[in-house]
N, C-alpha and C. Protein backbone atom coordinates (compact mmCIF):
# COMPACT_ATOMS: atom_id res chain seq x y z
N MET A 1 -26.72 -6.49 -53.21
CA MET A 1 -25.02 -7.48 -52.09
C MET A 1 -25.11 -6.05 -51.12
N TRP A 2 -24.95 -5.14 -51.62
CA TRP A 2 -23.90 -3.95 -51.12
C TRP A 2 -25.46 -4.11 -49.67
N ILE A 3 -26.37 -4.41 -49.40
CA ILE A 3 -27.52 -3.66 -49.07
C ILE A 3 -27.38 -4.52 -48.08
N ASN A 4 -26.68 -6.05 -49.10
CA ASN A 4 -26.90 -7.39 -47.64
C ASN A 4 -25.72 -7.63 -46.96
N CYS A 5 -24.56 -6.42 -47.38
CA CYS A 5 -23.64 -6.64 -46.72
C CYS A 5 -23.17 -6.29 -45.19
N TYR A 6 -23.74 -4.56 -45.61
CA TYR A 6 -24.12 -4.06 -45.09
C TYR A 6 -25.08 -4.71 -42.94
N HIS A 7 -26.17 -5.12 -43.66
CA HIS A 7 -27.07 -5.84 -43.20
C HIS A 7 -25.96 -6.86 -41.77
N ILE A 8 -25.31 -7.55 -42.57
CA ILE A 8 -24.51 -8.27 -41.51
C ILE A 8 -23.70 -7.67 -41.36
N LEU A 9 -23.22 -6.66 -41.60
CA LEU A 9 -21.88 -6.30 -40.88
C LEU A 9 -22.24 -5.58 -39.39
N LEU A 10 -24.17 -4.66 -39.91
CA LEU A 10 -24.49 -4.60 -38.68
C LEU A 10 -24.74 -4.90 -37.76
N SER A 11 -25.58 -6.31 -38.23
CA SER A 11 -25.42 -7.68 -37.37
C SER A 11 -24.73 -8.00 -36.00
N THR A 12 -23.68 -8.25 -36.92
CA THR A 12 -22.03 -8.80 -36.10
C THR A 12 -21.85 -7.65 -34.91
N VAL A 13 -21.62 -6.94 -35.67
CA VAL A 13 -21.31 -4.97 -34.85
C VAL A 13 -22.33 -5.06 -33.71
N LEU A 14 -23.31 -5.92 -33.81
CA LEU A 14 -24.49 -4.83 -33.41
C LEU A 14 -23.68 -6.86 -32.10
N ARG A 15 -23.58 -8.11 -32.34
CA ARG A 15 -24.00 -8.90 -31.49
C ARG A 15 -22.28 -9.21 -30.97
N LEU A 16 -21.20 -8.29 -31.24
CA LEU A 16 -20.22 -7.65 -30.60
C LEU A 16 -20.52 -7.83 -29.48
N ILE A 17 -21.44 -6.03 -29.79
CA ILE A 17 -21.26 -5.26 -28.96
C ILE A 17 -22.27 -5.55 -27.84
N ILE A 18 -23.40 -6.61 -27.51
CA ILE A 18 -23.81 -7.22 -26.58
C ILE A 18 -22.99 -8.25 -26.07
N ASN A 19 -22.66 -9.05 -26.75
CA ASN A 19 -21.47 -9.81 -25.84
C ASN A 19 -20.11 -9.24 -24.97
N ILE A 20 -20.17 -8.51 -25.66
CA ILE A 20 -19.49 -6.92 -24.41
C ILE A 20 -19.69 -6.71 -23.07
N SER A 21 -20.80 -6.54 -23.27
CA SER A 21 -21.53 -5.50 -22.20
C SER A 21 -22.51 -6.96 -20.92
N LEU A 22 -22.21 -8.70 -22.23
CA LEU A 22 -22.65 -8.89 -21.23
C LEU A 22 -21.04 -9.87 -20.50
N CYS A 23 -20.10 -9.47 -20.85
CA CYS A 23 -19.15 -9.61 -20.28
C CYS A 23 -18.71 -8.79 -18.90
N ILE A 24 -18.78 -7.88 -18.79
CA ILE A 24 -18.55 -6.58 -18.26
C ILE A 24 -19.80 -6.71 -16.55
N ALA A 25 -18.52 -6.98 -15.81
CA ALA A 25 -19.96 -7.72 -14.48
C ALA A 25 -20.53 -6.41 -13.91
N ALA A 26 -21.51 -6.07 -13.86
CA ALA A 26 -22.41 -5.04 -13.12
C ALA A 26 -22.47 -5.47 -11.14
N CYS A 27 -21.30 -5.59 -10.46
CA CYS A 27 -21.48 -5.28 -9.28
C CYS A 27 -21.88 -3.99 -9.01
N TYR A 28 -22.67 -4.82 -7.60
CA TYR A 28 -23.29 -3.19 -6.84
C TYR A 28 -22.02 -2.50 -6.09
N ASN A 29 -23.00 -1.03 -5.98
CA ASN A 29 -21.86 -0.22 -4.76
C ASN A 29 -21.47 -0.96 -3.70
N GLY A 30 -20.28 -1.21 -2.78
CA GLY A 30 -19.59 -2.05 -2.08
C GLY A 30 -19.51 -3.40 -2.70
N GLU A 31 -19.40 -3.42 -3.89
CA GLU A 31 -18.66 -4.66 -4.33
C GLU A 31 -17.74 -4.65 -5.36
N TYR A 32 -16.79 -5.43 -5.89
CA TYR A 32 -15.94 -5.15 -6.78
C TYR A 32 -15.52 -6.57 -7.30
N GLU A 33 -15.63 -6.34 -8.26
CA GLU A 33 -15.01 -7.67 -9.86
C GLU A 33 -13.89 -8.49 -9.88
N ILE A 34 -13.94 -9.46 -8.92
CA ILE A 34 -13.05 -10.32 -9.80
C ILE A 34 -12.96 -11.32 -10.30
N ASN A 35 -12.81 -11.88 -11.12
CA ASN A 35 -12.50 -12.50 -12.37
C ASN A 35 -14.04 -13.33 -12.94
N GLY A 36 -15.01 -11.73 -12.97
CA GLY A 36 -16.33 -12.40 -14.09
C GLY A 36 -17.38 -12.27 -12.25
N GLN A 37 -16.70 -12.28 -10.87
CA GLN A 37 -17.38 -12.59 -10.10
C GLN A 37 -17.84 -11.14 -9.49
N CYS A 38 -18.79 -10.84 -8.65
CA CYS A 38 -19.02 -10.06 -8.14
C CYS A 38 -18.69 -9.97 -5.92
N CYS A 39 -17.67 -9.61 -5.98
CA CYS A 39 -18.06 -9.71 -3.94
C CYS A 39 -17.71 -8.79 -3.78
N PRO A 40 -17.91 -8.62 -1.72
CA PRO A 40 -17.70 -7.64 -1.34
C PRO A 40 -16.87 -6.50 -0.99
N MET A 41 -16.19 -6.25 -0.54
CA MET A 41 -15.04 -5.04 -0.35
C MET A 41 -15.01 -5.46 1.13
N CYS A 42 -14.06 -5.81 1.46
CA CYS A 42 -13.62 -4.58 2.78
C CYS A 42 -13.04 -3.52 2.88
N ASP A 43 -13.90 -2.90 4.66
CA ASP A 43 -14.00 -1.30 4.48
C ASP A 43 -12.52 -0.90 5.04
N ALA A 44 -12.65 0.79 4.49
CA ALA A 44 -11.06 1.16 5.09
C ALA A 44 -10.54 0.18 6.27
N GLY A 45 -9.12 0.19 6.04
CA GLY A 45 -8.24 0.00 7.06
C GLY A 45 -8.29 -1.73 6.61
N ASN A 46 -8.02 -2.50 6.06
CA ASN A 46 -7.85 -3.56 5.79
C ASN A 46 -8.45 -3.83 3.80
N ARG A 47 -7.60 -4.79 4.38
CA ARG A 47 -7.41 -5.97 2.93
C ARG A 47 -8.09 -6.92 2.00
N VAL A 48 -8.54 -7.16 0.96
CA VAL A 48 -8.79 -8.79 0.82
C VAL A 48 -7.62 -9.36 1.17
N LEU A 49 -7.48 -10.56 1.73
CA LEU A 49 -6.92 -12.44 1.99
C LEU A 49 -7.65 -12.86 1.25
N LEU A 50 -8.56 -13.02 1.32
CA LEU A 50 -9.01 -14.01 0.31
C LEU A 50 -9.78 -13.41 -0.32
N HIS A 51 -10.58 -13.42 -1.83
CA HIS A 51 -11.12 -12.98 -2.17
C HIS A 51 -12.60 -14.05 -2.52
N CYS A 52 -14.46 -13.66 -2.73
CA CYS A 52 -15.17 -14.17 -2.42
C CYS A 52 -14.80 -15.35 -3.49
N ASP A 53 -15.81 -16.45 -3.26
CA ASP A 53 -16.17 -17.16 -4.20
C ASP A 53 -17.40 -17.59 -3.71
N LYS A 54 -17.48 -18.98 -5.03
CA LYS A 54 -19.09 -19.67 -4.54
C LYS A 54 -19.62 -19.94 -3.13
N SER A 55 -18.55 -20.43 -2.44
CA SER A 55 -19.41 -21.01 -1.32
C SER A 55 -18.39 -20.81 -0.43
N ARG A 56 -17.77 -19.18 -0.13
CA ARG A 56 -17.34 -18.29 0.91
C ARG A 56 -17.36 -16.39 0.26
N ARG A 57 -17.80 -15.79 1.54
CA ARG A 57 -17.86 -14.09 1.15
C ARG A 57 -15.62 -14.05 1.45
N THR A 58 -15.73 -12.90 1.44
CA THR A 58 -14.27 -12.01 0.98
C THR A 58 -13.90 -11.87 2.12
N THR A 59 -12.97 -12.45 2.34
CA THR A 59 -11.91 -12.60 3.85
C THR A 59 -10.44 -11.71 3.48
N CYS A 60 -11.27 -10.35 5.06
CA CYS A 60 -10.63 -9.43 5.28
C CYS A 60 -9.47 -9.16 6.33
N ILE A 61 -8.33 -8.50 5.47
CA ILE A 61 -7.26 -8.48 6.97
C ILE A 61 -7.12 -7.28 7.04
N SER A 62 -6.28 -6.44 8.07
CA SER A 62 -6.67 -5.13 8.86
C SER A 62 -5.02 -5.53 8.00
N CYS A 63 -4.59 -3.65 7.55
CA CYS A 63 -3.38 -3.16 7.20
C CYS A 63 -2.37 -3.41 8.34
N ILE A 64 -0.71 -3.30 8.30
CA ILE A 64 0.21 -3.87 9.07
C ILE A 64 0.16 -2.13 9.02
N LYS A 65 1.41 -1.98 9.93
CA LYS A 65 2.56 -0.94 10.49
C LYS A 65 2.62 -0.06 9.19
N ASP A 66 2.50 1.07 8.78
CA ASP A 66 2.98 2.09 7.95
C ASP A 66 2.13 1.16 6.65
N THR A 67 1.02 0.62 6.87
CA THR A 67 0.16 1.09 5.18
C THR A 67 -1.75 1.04 5.92
N TYR A 68 -2.15 1.54 4.28
CA TYR A 68 -3.48 1.37 4.90
C TYR A 68 -4.57 2.08 3.84
N THR A 69 -5.87 1.87 4.47
CA THR A 69 -6.85 2.31 3.21
C THR A 69 -7.87 2.89 3.96
N ASP A 70 -8.25 4.07 2.59
CA ASP A 70 -8.79 5.02 3.22
C ASP A 70 -10.38 5.29 2.49
N SER A 71 -10.13 3.43 1.75
CA SER A 71 -12.30 3.43 1.75
C SER A 71 -12.46 2.07 1.55
N SER A 72 -14.17 1.72 1.65
CA SER A 72 -13.41 0.20 1.29
C SER A 72 -13.00 0.37 0.28
N ASN A 73 -12.91 -1.40 0.07
CA ASN A 73 -12.37 -1.30 -0.90
C ASN A 73 -11.70 -3.14 -1.74
N GLY A 74 -11.23 -4.10 -2.55
CA GLY A 74 -10.81 -4.81 -3.29
C GLY A 74 -9.55 -5.07 -3.40
N LEU A 75 -8.57 -4.38 -2.62
CA LEU A 75 -7.63 -4.46 -2.55
C LEU A 75 -6.63 -5.64 -2.05
N SER A 76 -5.48 -6.07 -2.53
CA SER A 76 -4.93 -7.38 -2.22
C SER A 76 -3.71 -6.84 -1.46
N LYS A 77 -3.58 -5.72 -1.67
CA LYS A 77 -2.41 -4.71 -0.58
C LYS A 77 -2.81 -3.75 -0.45
N CYS A 78 -2.57 -3.06 0.99
CA CYS A 78 -2.99 -1.80 1.39
C CYS A 78 -1.50 -0.68 1.09
N LEU A 79 -2.13 0.63 0.74
CA LEU A 79 -1.12 1.54 0.24
C LEU A 79 -0.36 1.65 1.48
N GLN A 80 0.89 2.22 0.98
CA GLN A 80 2.56 2.14 1.45
C GLN A 80 1.99 3.63 2.07
N CYS A 81 2.27 4.37 3.55
CA CYS A 81 1.83 5.64 4.46
C CYS A 81 3.33 6.71 3.67
N PHE A 82 2.38 7.37 3.41
CA PHE A 82 4.21 8.86 2.75
C PHE A 82 4.97 8.85 3.49
N VAL A 83 5.96 8.84 3.39
CA VAL A 83 7.29 9.73 4.56
C VAL A 83 7.19 11.01 4.56
N CYS A 84 7.65 12.21 5.70
CA CYS A 84 7.29 13.38 5.87
C CYS A 84 8.96 13.30 6.03
N ASP A 85 9.49 14.16 4.50
CA ASP A 85 11.28 13.45 4.19
C ASP A 85 11.72 15.04 4.24
N LEU A 86 12.76 15.15 6.14
CA LEU A 86 13.75 16.00 6.43
C LEU A 86 14.26 16.52 5.15
N SER A 87 14.48 15.54 4.46
CA SER A 87 14.91 16.67 3.23
C SER A 87 15.05 17.30 2.31
N ASN A 88 13.00 16.54 2.53
CA ASN A 88 12.27 17.66 1.56
C ASN A 88 11.80 18.99 2.32
N GLY A 89 12.39 19.40 3.14
CA GLY A 89 11.67 20.05 4.41
C GLY A 89 9.94 19.86 5.03
N LEU A 90 10.58 18.79 5.50
CA LEU A 90 9.10 17.87 6.14
C LEU A 90 9.30 17.85 6.86
N ARG A 91 7.82 17.40 7.92
CA ARG A 91 7.17 17.42 9.32
C ARG A 91 6.33 16.77 8.97
N VAL A 92 5.67 15.80 10.18
CA VAL A 92 4.65 15.29 9.88
C VAL A 92 3.72 16.56 10.45
N LYS A 93 2.14 16.54 10.29
CA LYS A 93 1.19 16.53 11.21
C LYS A 93 0.37 16.15 12.00
N LYS A 94 -0.14 14.60 11.06
CA LYS A 94 -1.03 14.61 10.74
C LYS A 94 0.13 12.70 10.67
N ALA A 95 0.52 11.59 12.30
CA ALA A 95 0.32 10.59 11.13
C ALA A 95 0.05 9.50 10.98
N CYS A 96 0.17 8.71 10.21
CA CYS A 96 -0.49 7.20 8.78
C CYS A 96 -0.97 6.96 10.33
N THR A 97 -2.40 5.93 10.27
CA THR A 97 -3.49 4.76 10.34
C THR A 97 -3.40 4.20 9.78
N VAL A 98 -4.43 3.17 9.30
CA VAL A 98 -4.27 1.95 9.01
C VAL A 98 -6.17 2.89 8.24
N THR A 99 -6.23 3.81 8.50
CA THR A 99 -7.41 4.74 7.55
C THR A 99 -7.25 5.76 6.67
N SER A 100 -6.25 6.11 7.10
CA SER A 100 -5.41 7.56 6.35
C SER A 100 -4.25 7.96 6.02
N ASP A 101 -3.75 8.49 5.42
CA ASP A 101 -2.10 8.18 5.51
C ASP A 101 -1.92 9.79 6.00
N THR A 102 -0.39 9.89 6.03
CA THR A 102 0.27 10.33 6.32
C THR A 102 0.62 11.43 6.07
N VAL A 103 -0.10 13.12 6.02
CA VAL A 103 -0.36 14.19 6.28
C VAL A 103 1.15 15.52 6.59
N CYS A 104 1.19 16.15 5.90
CA CYS A 104 2.69 16.73 5.86
C CYS A 104 2.77 17.79 5.60
N GLU A 105 3.49 18.73 6.44
CA GLU A 105 3.38 20.40 6.67
C GLU A 105 5.00 20.34 6.65
N PRO A 106 5.07 22.19 5.98
CA PRO A 106 7.43 22.49 6.02
C PRO A 106 7.65 22.53 7.03
N LEU A 107 8.55 21.84 7.36
CA LEU A 107 9.13 22.54 8.44
C LEU A 107 9.29 24.28 8.66
N PRO A 108 9.43 24.37 10.00
CA PRO A 108 9.42 25.94 9.76
C PRO A 108 10.36 27.27 9.45
N GLY A 109 10.17 27.99 8.67
CA GLY A 109 10.81 28.41 7.89
C GLY A 109 10.28 28.06 6.51
N HIS A 110 10.32 27.31 6.54
CA HIS A 110 9.76 26.46 4.98
C HIS A 110 8.58 26.79 4.06
N TYR A 111 8.06 27.17 2.33
CA TYR A 111 6.95 26.75 2.17
C TYR A 111 6.28 26.20 1.07
N CYS A 112 5.85 25.63 1.53
CA CYS A 112 5.46 24.05 0.40
C CYS A 112 5.44 24.23 -1.45
N ILE A 113 5.83 23.52 -1.84
CA ILE A 113 6.02 24.07 -4.02
C ILE A 113 5.21 22.51 -3.96
N ASP A 114 4.84 22.20 -3.30
CA ASP A 114 4.19 20.57 -4.15
C ASP A 114 2.57 20.39 -3.10
N VAL A 115 1.69 20.52 -3.27
CA VAL A 115 0.58 19.59 -1.92
C VAL A 115 0.01 18.91 -3.01
N LYS A 116 -0.79 17.91 -2.18
CA LYS A 116 -1.92 16.22 -2.48
C LYS A 116 -2.90 16.61 -2.03
N GLY A 117 -4.17 16.53 -1.79
CA GLY A 117 -5.01 16.90 -0.82
C GLY A 117 -5.03 18.28 -0.05
N LYS A 118 -4.58 17.43 1.49
CA LYS A 118 -4.21 17.98 2.29
C LYS A 118 -1.78 17.92 2.69
N SER A 119 -2.06 17.70 2.20
CA SER A 119 -0.70 16.79 1.99
C SER A 119 0.44 17.80 1.66
N CYS A 120 1.55 18.09 2.41
CA CYS A 120 2.39 18.97 1.51
C CYS A 120 3.82 17.86 1.31
N LEU A 121 3.47 18.28 -0.30
CA LEU A 121 4.27 16.83 -0.70
C LEU A 121 5.91 17.42 -0.86
N GLN A 122 6.07 18.24 -0.57
CA GLN A 122 8.31 19.25 -0.80
C GLN A 122 7.75 20.52 -0.37
N ALA A 123 9.12 20.70 0.24
CA ALA A 123 8.92 22.37 0.96
C ALA A 123 10.26 22.92 0.04
N ARG A 124 10.25 23.73 0.17
CA ARG A 124 11.53 24.67 0.45
C ARG A 124 11.51 25.67 1.70
N LYS A 125 13.04 26.23 1.95
CA LYS A 125 13.35 27.81 2.53
C LYS A 125 12.82 28.90 2.33
N HIS A 126 12.55 29.57 3.88
CA HIS A 126 11.88 31.00 2.93
C HIS A 126 13.32 31.56 2.33
N LYS A 127 12.89 32.51 0.78
CA LYS A 127 14.13 33.57 0.69
C LYS A 127 14.61 34.03 1.99
N THR A 128 16.00 34.94 1.83
CA THR A 128 16.14 35.34 2.97
C THR A 128 16.55 37.38 1.91
N CYS A 129 16.36 37.78 3.06
CA CYS A 129 16.40 39.34 1.81
C CYS A 129 17.76 40.17 2.13
N SER A 130 18.61 40.69 0.93
CA SER A 130 19.39 41.25 1.32
C SER A 130 19.91 42.40 1.53
N PRO A 131 21.21 42.44 2.23
CA PRO A 131 21.15 43.90 2.26
C PRO A 131 20.77 44.78 1.08
N GLY A 132 20.09 46.07 2.46
CA GLY A 132 19.09 46.37 1.52
C GLY A 132 18.01 46.58 1.20
N GLN A 133 17.34 45.38 1.12
CA GLN A 133 15.75 45.22 1.50
C GLN A 133 15.63 45.10 2.51
N TYR A 134 14.13 44.72 2.62
CA TYR A 134 13.38 44.53 3.71
C TYR A 134 12.19 43.80 2.92
N ILE A 135 12.27 42.58 4.69
CA ILE A 135 10.71 42.07 3.94
C ILE A 135 9.67 42.64 3.95
N ASN A 136 9.09 42.35 1.98
CA ASN A 136 7.71 42.61 2.01
C ASN A 136 6.54 41.88 2.69
N GLN A 137 6.84 40.70 2.22
CA GLN A 137 5.73 40.04 3.13
C GLN A 137 6.15 38.81 3.82
N THR A 138 6.53 38.74 4.39
CA THR A 138 6.46 37.28 5.70
C THR A 138 6.00 35.96 4.76
N GLY A 139 6.91 35.26 4.92
CA GLY A 139 7.13 33.51 4.14
C GLY A 139 5.65 32.91 5.25
N THR A 140 5.23 32.26 4.74
CA THR A 140 3.77 31.68 5.29
C THR A 140 4.04 30.13 5.26
N GLU A 141 3.08 29.64 5.30
CA GLU A 141 3.28 27.84 5.04
C GLU A 141 3.16 26.99 3.86
N PHE A 142 2.99 28.19 3.14
CA PHE A 142 2.03 28.42 1.57
C PHE A 142 3.00 29.32 0.33
N GLN A 143 3.20 30.56 1.37
CA GLN A 143 3.92 31.33 -0.22
C GLN A 143 5.07 31.90 0.86
N ASN A 144 6.06 31.53 0.04
CA ASN A 144 7.62 32.17 0.41
C ASN A 144 7.73 33.71 0.58
N THR A 145 8.83 34.16 0.82
CA THR A 145 8.69 35.68 2.07
C THR A 145 8.99 36.77 0.92
N GLU A 146 8.82 37.21 0.42
CA GLU A 146 8.80 38.42 -0.69
C GLU A 146 9.67 39.73 0.32
N CYS A 147 10.81 39.93 -0.90
CA CYS A 147 12.03 41.19 -0.11
C CYS A 147 11.62 42.05 -1.22
N ALA A 148 11.77 43.66 -0.97
CA ALA A 148 11.37 44.51 -1.69
C ALA A 148 12.70 45.59 -1.05
N ASP A 149 13.19 46.39 -2.53
CA ASP A 149 14.47 46.69 -2.41
C ASP A 149 13.83 48.55 -1.46
N CYS A 150 14.83 48.88 -0.81
CA CYS A 150 14.30 50.02 0.69
C CYS A 150 14.53 51.26 -0.53
N PRO A 151 13.57 51.93 0.46
CA PRO A 151 13.20 53.42 -0.07
C PRO A 151 14.43 54.00 -0.66
N ALA A 152 14.42 54.77 -1.30
CA ALA A 152 15.65 55.96 -1.61
C ALA A 152 16.04 56.56 0.03
N GLY A 153 16.37 56.91 0.71
CA GLY A 153 17.00 57.77 1.48
C GLY A 153 16.67 56.82 3.00
N SER A 154 17.14 55.47 3.14
CA SER A 154 16.51 54.34 4.06
C SER A 154 17.68 53.47 3.25
N TYR A 155 18.08 52.67 4.71
CA TYR A 155 18.79 51.41 4.40
C TYR A 155 18.34 50.27 4.68
N SER A 156 18.74 49.41 4.63
CA SER A 156 18.57 48.23 6.06
C SER A 156 19.91 46.89 5.42
N ASP A 157 21.39 47.36 6.67
CA ASP A 157 22.54 45.98 6.44
C ASP A 157 22.19 44.51 7.34
N VAL A 158 20.25 44.61 7.99
CA VAL A 158 21.48 43.44 8.34
C VAL A 158 19.52 42.19 7.63
N VAL A 159 20.18 41.12 7.45
CA VAL A 159 19.47 40.51 6.73
C VAL A 159 18.18 39.73 7.18
N ASN A 160 16.76 39.93 6.51
CA ASN A 160 15.16 39.83 6.71
C ASN A 160 15.40 40.72 8.53
N LEU A 161 15.86 41.29 8.80
CA LEU A 161 15.41 41.60 10.20
C LEU A 161 14.29 42.82 10.23
N LEU A 162 14.11 43.84 8.53
CA LEU A 162 13.39 45.02 9.04
C LEU A 162 12.02 44.50 8.28
N GLU A 163 11.04 44.66 8.78
CA GLU A 163 9.48 44.61 8.16
C GLU A 163 9.46 46.23 8.00
N LYS A 164 8.10 46.00 6.43
CA LYS A 164 8.12 47.14 5.95
C LYS A 164 7.03 48.22 7.21
């Protein structure tokens, strides 16, 4: 009895696995799956206007201003370009195009605290050294200013001007 139930269970599981694998579309590179059918992708800088069907290929349309796609795709909407927000300490390093997102960099006197790929997503002002300190390490685009206390017998009463 147990062997017979095991055999039926195993047979059912195998049929289920085969049915699942048949339902998954095996699209080629450069195609996307929609409603069980493989359609040709749109080129970078474009999006899908109409999905393919048995009588037509995918119809693509160019991305509009402030949107992009950076690779071949089956998207029905282009991606929104990132905005380099001054209040986040950012400025545009490379403007958005239909094939690439905006690249932001820190404003002068700021350093990046959040990076994604080649773009800075948020920046902060460099630290200012207090009287009695000097700039031990000048701030960069990706690193804050480092201050150090003046050595014994010396002093600084000017903010941020004395360097080691």
